[in-house]
Amino acid sequence: MSAIRRIGLVQQAVGSDLERNLARAESAVREAAGRGAALVCLQELFRTHYFPQVEDASLFELAETIPGPTTERMSKLAADAGVVLIVPLFEKRAAGLYHNSAVVFERDGTQLAHYRKMHVPDDPMFYEKFYFAPGDTGFHCVDTSAGRIGVLICWDQWFPEAARLLALDGAELIFYPTAIGDLAGESDSENAAMRESWLTVQRGHAIANGLFVCAANRVGDEGGGVRFWGSSFVADPQGRLIAQASDRDEAVLVVDCDLGRIEAQRRGWPFLRDRRIDAYGDLLARFRR
């Protein structure tokens, strides 16, 4: 079997019309499949505008159960298009209990995994703690027909522990559905520095773990003070950006990932071999001093 895996990242501008958002996402998935993608990843909360820019209890009405109408529709899409599909959703788990979640479907429509965002931010224009309980699914990979993958969501991408745990669970590719961008009121230089930090930390995960990192971000201004900067990308196990989308335009990024690069990179830079697992116990402390 070839070690090449062709993956697709969908980068879209999102409006308030839920049906239109769904239809446009479906079209993008079909485009990626038509270009040979074996796996397609949608952006964080793809079905809705990025509502956590404000705190508004009425917006809980945007949530839905898993399984539910959107997962049923996406399951059929995965089977019809013949792709593994990563679907990020606003999940209603129970009355008053909600998560920022993602579901993975196999190419026959079977649900393979259900992840709930573990790290939940609470910052100006990213008021996610108002809406989402922290995840309780842990950090686990899943075997798909497109490779062994791990899924994390947006704020998770800043935490090296999460990426490392997926690497230790055998991840070949880590996917980060994302919603991040320039902030109103910040200088151009500060926003540029933040975007560069976002790229750098994820490229670092690819390097430190010797695997592929794939981020699918939103793009455009949805109101509320954030202009999402797109820039969806794939980094190889050496941290090189092998593909990157525009910071202003929609895109369906389709990229070939040679999983054979993982073995070659880890032989040359054997970080997993040289880890001092006997000396890292204090990582379980909140702070050492």
C-alpha atoms as a PDB file:
ATOM      1  CA  MET A   1       0.000   0.000   0.000  1.00  0.00           C
ATOM      2  CA  SER A   2       1.301   3.453  -0.882  1.00  0.00           C
ATOM      3  CA  ALA A   3       2.448   5.650   2.007  1.00  0.00           C
ATOM      4  CA  ILE A   4       0.965   8.719   0.301  1.00  0.00           C
ATOM      5  CA  ARG A   5      -2.220  10.071   1.882  1.00  0.00           C
ATOM      6  CA  ARG A   6      -4.036  12.899   0.120  1.00  0.00           C
ATOM      7  CA  ILE A   7      -5.893  15.068   2.615  1.00  0.00           C
ATOM      8  CA  GLY A   8      -8.212  18.045   2.189  1.00  0.00           C
ATOM      9  CA  LEU A   9      -8.679  21.093   4.431  1.00  0.00           C
ATOM     10  CA  VAL A  10     -11.764  23.270   3.987  1.00  0.00           C
ATOM     11  CA  GLN A  11     -11.316  26.991   4.717  1.00  0.00           C
ATOM     12  CA  GLN A  12     -14.544  28.978   4.435  1.00  0.00           C
ATOM     13  CA  ALA A  13     -16.248  32.231   5.372  1.00  0.00           C
ATOM     14  CA  VAL A  14     -19.393  31.520   7.383  1.00  0.00           C
ATOM     15  CA  GLY A  15     -22.666  33.415   7.682  1.00  0.00           C
ATOM     16  CA  SER A  16     -25.833  33.199   9.754  1.00  0.00           C
ATOM     17  CA  ASP A  17     -27.740  30.921   7.336  1.00  0.00           C
ATOM     18  CA  LEU A  18     -27.150  27.430   8.764  1.00  0.00           C
ATOM     19  CA  GLU A  19     -28.503  25.587   5.747  1.00  0.00           C
ATOM     20  CA  ARG A  20     -26.314  27.599   3.393  1.00  0.00           C
ATOM     21  CA  ASN A  21     -23.281  26.923   5.587  1.00  0.00           C
ATOM     22  CA  LEU A  22     -23.989  23.196   5.488  1.00  0.00           C
ATOM     23  CA  ALA A  23     -24.555  23.146   1.750  1.00  0.00           C
ATOM     24  CA  ARG A  24     -21.356  25.070   1.053  1.00  0.00           C
ATOM     25  CA  ALA A  25     -19.364  22.757   3.307  1.00  0.00           C
ATOM     26  CA  GLU A  26     -20.815  19.742   1.512  1.00  0.00           C
ATOM     27  CA  SER A  27     -19.816  21.242  -1.817  1.00  0.00           C
ATOM     28  CA  ALA A  28     -16.264  21.815  -0.582  1.00  0.00           C
ATOM     29  CA  VAL A  29     -15.998  18.232   0.687  1.00  0.00           C
ATOM     30  CA  ARG A  30     -17.142  16.944  -2.705  1.00  0.00           C
ATOM     31  CA  GLU A  31     -14.594  19.196  -4.407  1.00  0.00           C
ATOM     32  CA  ALA A  32     -11.791  17.800  -2.240  1.00  0.00           C
ATOM     33  CA  ALA A  33     -12.965  14.252  -2.896  1.00  0.00           C
ATOM     34  CA  GLY A  34     -13.073  14.982  -6.634  1.00  0.00           C
ATOM     35  CA  ARG A  35      -9.456  16.085  -6.406  1.00  0.00           C
ATOM     36  CA  GLY A  36      -8.503  12.767  -4.840  1.00  0.00           C
ATOM     37  CA  ALA A  37      -8.600  13.538  -1.117  1.00  0.00           C
ATOM     38  CA  ALA A  38      -8.993  10.450   1.059  1.00  0.00           C
ATOM     39  CA  LEU A  39      -9.698  12.504   4.182  1.00  0.00           C
ATOM     40  CA  VAL A  40     -11.316  15.939   4.542  1.00  0.00           C
ATOM     41  CA  CYS A  41     -11.304  18.176   7.625  1.00  0.00           C
ATOM     42  CA  LEU A  42     -13.825  20.987   8.143  1.00  0.00           C
ATOM     43  CA  GLN A  43     -13.107  24.049  10.295  1.00  0.00           C
ATOM     44  CA  GLU A  44     -14.124  24.486  13.933  1.00  0.00           C
ATOM     45  CA  LEU A  45     -17.897  24.955  14.438  1.00  0.00           C
ATOM     46  CA  PHE A  46     -18.252  24.864  10.649  1.00  0.00           C
ATOM     47  CA  ARG A  47     -22.068  24.881  10.668  1.00  0.00           C
ATOM     48  CA  THR A  48     -22.451  28.212  12.493  1.00  0.00           C
ATOM     49  CA  HIS A  49     -20.869  31.628  12.661  1.00  0.00           C
ATOM     50  CA  TYR A  50     -18.294  31.892  15.453  1.00  0.00           C
ATOM     51  CA  PHE A  51     -20.840  32.840  18.106  1.00  0.00           C
ATOM     52  CA  PRO A  52     -18.470  32.888  21.160  1.00  0.00           C
ATOM     53  CA  GLN A  53     -17.444  36.432  20.214  1.00  0.00           C
ATOM     54  CA  VAL A  54     -20.323  37.402  22.549  1.00  0.00           C
ATOM     55  CA  GLU A  55     -22.032  35.881  25.593  1.00  0.00           C
ATOM     56  CA  ASP A  56     -25.679  35.333  24.712  1.00  0.00           C
ATOM     57  CA  ALA A  57     -27.747  32.529  26.214  1.00  0.00           C
ATOM     58  CA  SER A  58     -30.065  32.443  23.189  1.00  0.00           C
ATOM     59  CA  LEU A  59     -27.161  31.081  21.125  1.00  0.00           C
ATOM     60  CA  PHE A  60     -27.339  27.754  22.943  1.00  0.00           C
ATOM     61  CA  GLU A  61     -30.150  27.065  20.484  1.00  0.00           C
ATOM     62  CA  LEU A  62     -27.474  26.542  17.823  1.00  0.00           C
ATOM     63  CA  ALA A  63     -26.332  23.322  19.511  1.00  0.00           C
ATOM     64  CA  GLU A  64     -27.465  19.850  18.516  1.00  0.00           C
ATOM     65  CA  THR A  65     -27.073  16.324  19.750  1.00  0.00           C
ATOM     66  CA  ILE A  66     -24.536  13.768  18.520  1.00  0.00           C
ATOM     67  CA  PRO A  67     -25.897  11.754  16.813  1.00  0.00           C
ATOM     68  CA  GLY A  68     -28.237  14.336  15.346  1.00  0.00           C
ATOM     69  CA  PRO A  69     -29.328  15.963  12.087  1.00  0.00           C
ATOM     70  CA  THR A  70     -25.914  17.252  11.038  1.00  0.00           C
ATOM     71  CA  THR A  71     -23.981  14.107  11.923  1.00  0.00           C
ATOM     72  CA  GLU A  72     -26.557  12.045  10.019  1.00  0.00           C
ATOM     73  CA  ARG A  73     -26.137  14.292   7.008  1.00  0.00           C
ATOM     74  CA  MET A  74     -22.338  14.262   7.221  1.00  0.00           C
ATOM     75  CA  SER A  75     -22.277  10.500   7.630  1.00  0.00           C
ATOM     76  CA  LYS A  76     -24.172  10.157   4.351  1.00  0.00           C
ATOM     77  CA  LEU A  77     -21.833  12.689   2.729  1.00  0.00           C
ATOM     78  CA  ALA A  78     -18.749  10.745   3.820  1.00  0.00           C
ATOM     79  CA  ALA A  79     -20.191   7.571   2.315  1.00  0.00           C
ATOM     80  CA  ASP A  80     -21.349   9.261  -0.872  1.00  0.00           C
ATOM     81  CA  ALA A  81     -18.035  11.074  -1.429  1.00  0.00           C
ATOM     82  CA  GLY A  82     -15.971   8.101  -0.261  1.00  0.00           C
ATOM     83  CA  VAL A  83     -13.834  10.089   2.198  1.00  0.00           C
ATOM     84  CA  VAL A  84     -12.910  10.030   5.855  1.00  0.00           C
ATOM     85  CA  LEU A  85     -14.557  13.180   7.221  1.00  0.00           C
ATOM     86  CA  ILE A  86     -13.778  15.283  10.329  1.00  0.00           C
ATOM     87  CA  VAL A  87     -16.884  17.223  11.386  1.00  0.00           C
ATOM     88  CA  PRO A  88     -16.589  19.840  14.205  1.00  0.00           C
ATOM     89  CA  LEU A  89     -19.893  20.716  15.918  1.00  0.00           C
ATOM     90  CA  PHE A  90     -21.532  22.589  18.788  1.00  0.00           C
ATOM     91  CA  GLU A  91     -22.758  19.597  20.790  1.00  0.00           C
ATOM     92  CA  LYS A  92     -25.715  19.481  23.153  1.00  0.00           C
ATOM     93  CA  ARG A  93     -24.855  16.616  25.458  1.00  0.00           C
ATOM     94  CA  ALA A  94     -27.703  17.098  27.936  1.00  0.00           C
ATOM     95  CA  ALA A  95     -29.943  19.869  29.208  1.00  0.00           C
ATOM     96  CA  GLY A  96     -27.588  22.734  30.068  1.00  0.00           C
ATOM     97  CA  LEU A  97     -24.447  20.788  29.127  1.00  0.00           C
ATOM     98  CA  TYR A  98     -22.651  21.636  25.899  1.00  0.00           C
ATOM     99  CA  HIS A  99     -19.303  20.912  24.242  1.00  0.00           C
ATOM    100  CA  ASN A 100     -17.159  22.064  21.345  1.00  0.00           C
ATOM    101  CA  SER A 101     -16.797  18.706  19.632  1.00  0.00           C
ATOM    102  CA  ALA A 102     -15.659  16.863  16.530  1.00  0.00           C
ATOM    103  CA  VAL A 103     -16.807  13.576  15.007  1.00  0.00           C
ATOM    104  CA  VAL A 104     -14.805  11.380  12.616  1.00  0.00           C
ATOM    105  CA  PHE A 105     -16.607   9.344   9.966  1.00  0.00           C
ATOM    106  CA  GLU A 106     -15.070   6.562   7.913  1.00  0.00           C
ATOM    107  CA  ARG A 107     -15.504   6.547   4.139  1.00  0.00           C
ATOM    108  CA  ASP A 108     -18.510   4.207   4.473  1.00  0.00           C
ATOM    109  CA  GLY A 109     -20.247   6.649   6.821  1.00  0.00           C
ATOM    110  CA  THR A 110     -19.461   4.771  10.027  1.00  0.00           C
ATOM    111  CA  GLN A 111     -18.731   6.987  13.033  1.00  0.00           C
ATOM    112  CA  LEU A 112     -15.227   6.174  14.267  1.00  0.00           C
ATOM    113  CA  ALA A 113     -14.534   8.772  16.941  1.00  0.00           C
ATOM    114  CA  HIS A 114     -16.068  11.568  18.999  1.00  0.00           C
ATOM    115  CA  TYR A 115     -13.746  14.165  20.541  1.00  0.00           C
ATOM    116  CA  ARG A 116     -14.669  16.980  22.935  1.00  0.00           C
ATOM    117  CA  LYS A 117     -12.356  20.002  23.099  1.00  0.00           C
ATOM    118  CA  MET A 118     -10.213  19.615  26.205  1.00  0.00           C
ATOM    119  CA  HIS A 119      -8.759  23.126  26.528  1.00  0.00           C
ATOM    120  CA  VAL A 120     -11.470  25.805  26.543  1.00  0.00           C
ATOM    121  CA  PRO A 121     -10.438  29.491  26.374  1.00  0.00           C
ATOM    122  CA  ASP A 122     -12.069  32.502  27.991  1.00  0.00           C
ATOM    123  CA  ASP A 123     -10.640  35.640  26.415  1.00  0.00           C
ATOM    124  CA  PRO A 124     -12.101  38.787  24.843  1.00  0.00           C
ATOM    125  CA  MET A 125     -13.977  37.743  21.667  1.00  0.00           C
ATOM    126  CA  PHE A 126     -13.324  34.061  22.511  1.00  0.00           C
ATOM    127  CA  TYR A 127     -15.821  33.555  25.346  1.00  0.00           C
ATOM    128  CA  GLU A 128     -15.945  29.810  24.994  1.00  0.00           C
ATOM    129  CA  LYS A 129     -16.224  28.931  28.684  1.00  0.00           C
ATOM    130  CA  PHE A 130     -19.664  30.567  28.656  1.00  0.00           C
ATOM    131  CA  TYR A 131     -20.822  27.908  26.174  1.00  0.00           C
ATOM    132  CA  PHE A 132     -18.617  24.829  26.442  1.00  0.00           C
ATOM    133  CA  ALA A 133     -17.796  22.464  29.274  1.00  0.00           C
ATOM    134  CA  PRO A 134     -14.235  21.111  29.081  1.00  0.00           C
ATOM    135  CA  GLY A 135     -13.966  17.817  27.264  1.00  0.00           C
ATOM    136  CA  ASP A 136     -13.703  14.471  29.010  1.00  0.00           C
ATOM    137  CA  THR A 137     -12.756  12.228  26.088  1.00  0.00           C
ATOM    138  CA  GLY A 138      -8.997  12.438  26.640  1.00  0.00           C
ATOM    139  CA  PHE A 139      -6.394  12.354  23.890  1.00  0.00           C
ATOM    140  CA  HIS A 140      -6.772   9.297  21.682  1.00  0.00           C
ATOM    141  CA  CYS A 141      -6.097   8.399  18.053  1.00  0.00           C
ATOM    142  CA  VAL A 142      -8.281   6.459  15.668  1.00  0.00           C
ATOM    143  CA  ASP A 143      -7.370   4.196  12.776  1.00  0.00           C
ATOM    144  CA  THR A 144      -8.953   5.282   9.509  1.00  0.00           C
ATOM    145  CA  SER A 145      -8.552   4.181   5.913  1.00  0.00           C
ATOM    146  CA  ALA A 146      -6.455   7.335   5.442  1.00  0.00           C
ATOM    147  CA  GLY A 147      -4.078   6.632   8.339  1.00  0.00           C
ATOM    148  CA  ARG A 148      -3.976   6.765  12.121  1.00  0.00           C
ATOM    149  CA  ILE A 149      -5.128  10.248  13.096  1.00  0.00           C
ATOM    150  CA  GLY A 150      -5.628  12.428  16.135  1.00  0.00           C
ATOM    151  CA  VAL A 151      -8.104  15.304  16.311  1.00  0.00           C
ATOM    152  CA  LEU A 152      -7.721  18.347  18.558  1.00  0.00           C
ATOM    153  CA  ILE A 153      -9.615  21.658  18.352  1.00  0.00           C
ATOM    154  CA  CYS A 154      -8.232  25.218  18.142  1.00  0.00           C
ATOM    155  CA  TRP A 155      -7.066  26.243  21.665  1.00  0.00           C
ATOM    156  CA  ASP A 156      -5.777  22.684  22.081  1.00  0.00           C
ATOM    157  CA  GLN A 157      -3.145  23.566  19.464  1.00  0.00           C
ATOM    158  CA  TRP A 158      -1.168  25.689  21.930  1.00  0.00           C
ATOM    159  CA  PHE A 159      -0.526  22.791  24.326  1.00  0.00           C
ATOM    160  CA  PRO A 160       2.442  20.524  23.542  1.00  0.00           C
ATOM    161  CA  GLU A 161       1.170  17.914  25.993  1.00  0.00           C
ATOM    162  CA  ALA A 162      -1.893  17.212  23.843  1.00  0.00           C
ATOM    163  CA  ALA A 163       0.125  16.730  20.655  1.00  0.00           C
ATOM    164  CA  ARG A 164       2.661  14.554  22.478  1.00  0.00           C
ATOM    165  CA  LEU A 165      -0.015  12.276  23.912  1.00  0.00           C
ATOM    166  CA  LEU A 166      -1.446  11.752  20.442  1.00  0.00           C
ATOM    167  CA  ALA A 167       2.033  11.007  19.121  1.00  0.00           C
ATOM    168  CA  LEU A 168       2.480   8.439  21.898  1.00  0.00           C
ATOM    169  CA  ASP A 169      -0.826   6.905  20.800  1.00  0.00           C
ATOM    170  CA  GLY A 170       0.567   6.404  17.311  1.00  0.00           C
ATOM    171  CA  ALA A 171      -0.726   9.450  15.438  1.00  0.00           C
ATOM    172  CA  GLU A 172       0.559   9.881  11.906  1.00  0.00           C
ATOM    173  CA  LEU A 173      -1.441  13.049  11.291  1.00  0.00           C
ATOM    174  CA  ILE A 174      -2.875  15.508  13.818  1.00  0.00           C
ATOM    175  CA  PHE A 175      -5.799  17.674  12.693  1.00  0.00           C
ATOM    176  CA  TYR A 176      -6.695  21.011  14.264  1.00  0.00           C
ATOM    177  CA  PRO A 177     -10.081  22.427  13.191  1.00  0.00           C
ATOM    178  CA  THR A 178      -9.669  26.089  14.143  1.00  0.00           C
ATOM    179  CA  ALA A 179     -11.240  29.545  14.515  1.00  0.00           C
ATOM    180  CA  ILE A 180      -8.593  32.225  15.047  1.00  0.00           C
ATOM    181  CA  GLY A 181      -7.752  35.573  13.545  1.00  0.00           C
ATOM    182  CA  ASP A 182      -6.771  39.211  13.872  1.00  0.00           C
ATOM    183  CA  LEU A 183      -8.337  41.091  16.786  1.00  0.00           C
ATOM    184  CA  ALA A 184      -9.928  44.514  16.465  1.00  0.00           C
ATOM    185  CA  GLY A 185      -8.047  47.074  18.522  1.00  0.00           C
ATOM    186  CA  GLU A 186      -4.685  45.338  18.200  1.00  0.00           C
ATOM    187  CA  SER A 187      -1.933  46.815  16.062  1.00  0.00           C
ATOM    188  CA  ASP A 188      -1.052  45.269  12.724  1.00  0.00           C
ATOM    189  CA  SER A 189       2.316  44.231  14.147  1.00  0.00           C
ATOM    190  CA  GLU A 190       0.731  42.542  17.165  1.00  0.00           C
ATOM    191  CA  ASN A 191      -1.763  40.664  15.005  1.00  0.00           C
ATOM    192  CA  ALA A 192       1.040  39.596  12.648  1.00  0.00           C
ATOM    193  CA  ALA A 193       3.067  38.350  15.623  1.00  0.00           C
ATOM    194  CA  MET A 194       0.107  36.340  16.896  1.00  0.00           C
ATOM    195  CA  ARG A 195      -0.402  34.698  13.526  1.00  0.00           C
ATOM    196  CA  GLU A 196       3.300  33.838  13.367  1.00  0.00           C
ATOM    197  CA  SER A 197       3.130  32.358  16.874  1.00  0.00           C
ATOM    198  CA  TRP A 198       0.145  30.259  15.820  1.00  0.00           C
ATOM    199  CA  LEU A 199       2.073  28.847  12.882  1.00  0.00           C
ATOM    200  CA  THR A 200       5.267  28.357  14.881  1.00  0.00           C
ATOM    201  CA  VAL A 201       3.805  26.436  17.786  1.00  0.00           C
ATOM    202  CA  GLN A 202       2.053  23.951  15.502  1.00  0.00           C
ATOM    203  CA  ARG A 203       5.103  23.502  13.313  1.00  0.00           C
ATOM    204  CA  GLY A 204       6.908  22.794  16.579  1.00  0.00           C
ATOM    205  CA  HIS A 205       4.448  19.981  17.353  1.00  0.00           C
ATOM    206  CA  ALA A 206       5.215  18.457  13.960  1.00  0.00           C
ATOM    207  CA  ILE A 207       8.963  18.646  14.639  1.00  0.00           C
ATOM    208  CA  ALA A 208       8.923  17.499  18.264  1.00  0.00           C
ATOM    209  CA  ASN A 209       6.725  14.503  17.454  1.00  0.00           C
ATOM    210  CA  GLY A 210       7.891  13.681  13.926  1.00  0.00           C
ATOM    211  CA  LEU A 211       4.447  13.673  12.303  1.00  0.00           C
ATOM    212  CA  PHE A 212       2.146  15.711  10.068  1.00  0.00           C
ATOM    213  CA  VAL A 213       0.147  18.626  11.493  1.00  0.00           C
ATOM    214  CA  CYS A 214      -2.883  19.868   9.547  1.00  0.00           C
ATOM    215  CA  ALA A 215      -4.851  22.983  10.559  1.00  0.00           C
ATOM    216  CA  ALA A 216      -8.165  24.045   8.962  1.00  0.00           C
ATOM    217  CA  ASN A 217      -9.080  27.623   9.903  1.00  0.00           C
ATOM    218  CA  ARG A 218     -12.026  29.905   9.132  1.00  0.00           C
ATOM    219  CA  VAL A 219     -11.544  33.021   7.037  1.00  0.00           C
ATOM    220  CA  GLY A 220     -13.186  36.446   6.876  1.00  0.00           C
ATOM    221  CA  ASP A 221     -14.992  38.865   9.183  1.00  0.00           C
ATOM    222  CA  GLU A 222     -18.162  37.558  10.848  1.00  0.00           C
ATOM    223  CA  GLY A 223     -18.619  40.643  13.013  1.00  0.00           C
ATOM    224  CA  GLY A 224     -17.744  40.807  16.693  1.00  0.00           C
ATOM    225  CA  GLY A 225     -14.156  41.949  16.359  1.00  0.00           C
ATOM    226  CA  VAL A 226     -12.278  38.984  14.874  1.00  0.00           C
ATOM    227  CA  ARG A 227     -11.125  38.797  11.258  1.00  0.00           C
ATOM    228  CA  PHE A 228     -10.325  35.136  10.795  1.00  0.00           C
ATOM    229  CA  TRP A 229      -7.009  34.818   9.006  1.00  0.00           C
ATOM    230  CA  GLY A 230      -7.429  31.516   7.207  1.00  0.00           C
ATOM    231  CA  SER A 231      -3.866  30.381   6.457  1.00  0.00           C
ATOM    232  CA  SER A 232      -4.899  26.720   6.742  1.00  0.00           C
ATOM    233  CA  PHE A 233      -1.805  24.594   6.341  1.00  0.00           C
ATOM    234  CA  VAL A 234      -0.059  21.242   6.435  1.00  0.00           C
ATOM    235  CA  ALA A 235       3.351  20.882   8.076  1.00  0.00           C
ATOM    236  CA  ASP A 236       5.517  17.810   7.498  1.00  0.00           C
ATOM    237  CA  PRO A 237       7.464  15.932  10.215  1.00  0.00           C
ATOM    238  CA  GLN A 238      10.342  18.400   9.850  1.00  0.00           C
ATOM    239  CA  GLY A 239       7.980  21.318  10.414  1.00  0.00           C
ATOM    240  CA  ARG A 240       8.089  22.517   6.827  1.00  0.00           C
ATOM    241  CA  LEU A 241       4.911  24.064   5.438  1.00  0.00           C
ATOM    242  CA  ILE A 242       4.197  21.880   2.437  1.00  0.00           C
ATOM    243  CA  ALA A 243       0.964  23.753   1.664  1.00  0.00           C
ATOM    244  CA  GLN A 244      -0.748  26.870   2.976  1.00  0.00           C
ATOM    245  CA  ALA A 245      -3.957  28.676   2.028  1.00  0.00           C
ATOM    246  CA  SER A 246      -4.550  32.409   1.674  1.00  0.00           C
ATOM    247  CA  ASP A 247      -5.060  34.581   4.745  1.00  0.00           C
ATOM    248  CA  ARG A 248      -8.071  36.297   3.116  1.00  0.00           C
ATOM    249  CA  ASP A 249      -9.759  33.958   0.637  1.00  0.00           C
ATOM    250  CA  GLU A 250     -11.689  30.733   0.894  1.00  0.00           C
ATOM    251  CA  ALA A 251      -9.845  27.589  -0.142  1.00  0.00           C
ATOM    252  CA  VAL A 252     -10.066  23.841  -0.466  1.00  0.00           C
ATOM    253  CA  LEU A 253      -6.494  22.817   0.223  1.00  0.00           C
ATOM    254  CA  VAL A 254      -5.618  19.332  -1.071  1.00  0.00           C
ATOM    255  CA  VAL A 255      -2.209  18.016  -0.052  1.00  0.00           C
ATOM    256  CA  ASP A 256      -0.240  14.786  -0.437  1.00  0.00           C
ATOM    257  CA  CYS A 257       1.332  13.578   2.814  1.00  0.00           C
ATOM    258  CA  ASP A 258       4.030  10.908   2.532  1.00  0.00           C
ATOM    259  CA  LEU A 259       3.703   8.946   5.762  1.00  0.00           C
ATOM    260  CA  GLY A 260       7.060   7.337   5.007  1.00  0.00           C
ATOM    261  CA  ARG A 261       8.585  10.644   6.092  1.00  0.00           C
ATOM    262  CA  ILE A 262       7.643   9.857   9.699  1.00  0.00           C
ATOM    263  CA  GLU A 263       9.986   6.886  10.029  1.00  0.00           C
ATOM    264  CA  ALA A 264      12.810   8.665   8.226  1.00  0.00           C
ATOM    265  CA  GLN A 265      12.475  11.776  10.406  1.00  0.00           C
ATOM    266  CA  ARG A 266      12.291   9.869  13.680  1.00  0.00           C
ATOM    267  CA  ARG A 267      15.381   7.852  12.807  1.00  0.00           C
ATOM    268  CA  GLY A 268      17.328  11.051  12.285  1.00  0.00           C
ATOM    269  CA  TRP A 269      15.831  12.986  15.205  1.00  0.00           C
ATOM    270  CA  PRO A 270      14.912  10.267  17.752  1.00  0.00           C
ATOM    271  CA  PHE A 271      13.103  12.427  20.292  1.00  0.00           C
ATOM    272  CA  LEU A 272      10.787   9.601  21.349  1.00  0.00           C
ATOM    273  CA  ARG A 273      13.798   7.375  22.005  1.00  0.00           C
ATOM    274  CA  ASP A 274      15.589   9.962  24.131  1.00  0.00           C
ATOM    275  CA  ARG A 275      12.671  11.098  26.281  1.00  0.00           C
ATOM    276  CA  ARG A 276      13.400  10.816  30.022  1.00  0.00           C
ATOM    277  CA  ILE A 277      10.075   9.360  31.028  1.00  0.00           C
ATOM    278  CA  ASP A 278      11.489   8.651  34.503  1.00  0.00           C
ATOM    279  CA  ALA A 279      12.009  12.377  35.153  1.00  0.00           C
ATOM    280  CA  TYR A 280       8.803  14.067  34.011  1.00  0.00           C
ATOM    281  CA  GLY A 281       6.504  13.432  36.969  1.00  0.00           C
ATOM    282  CA  ASP A 282       6.307  17.115  37.880  1.00  0.00           C
ATOM    283  CA  LEU A 283       4.486  17.813  34.643  1.00  0.00           C
ATOM    284  CA  LEU A 284       1.365  16.735  36.521  1.00  0.00           C
ATOM    285  CA  ALA A 285       1.750  19.714  38.880  1.00  0.00           C
ATOM    286  CA  ARG A 286       0.079  23.022  38.054  1.00  0.00           C
ATOM    287  CA  PHE A 287       3.296  24.885  38.886  1.00  0.00           C
ATOM    288  CA  ARG A 288       6.528  23.842  40.568  1.00  0.00           C
ATOM    289  CA  ARG A 289       7.405  27.000  42.539  1.00  0.00           C
END
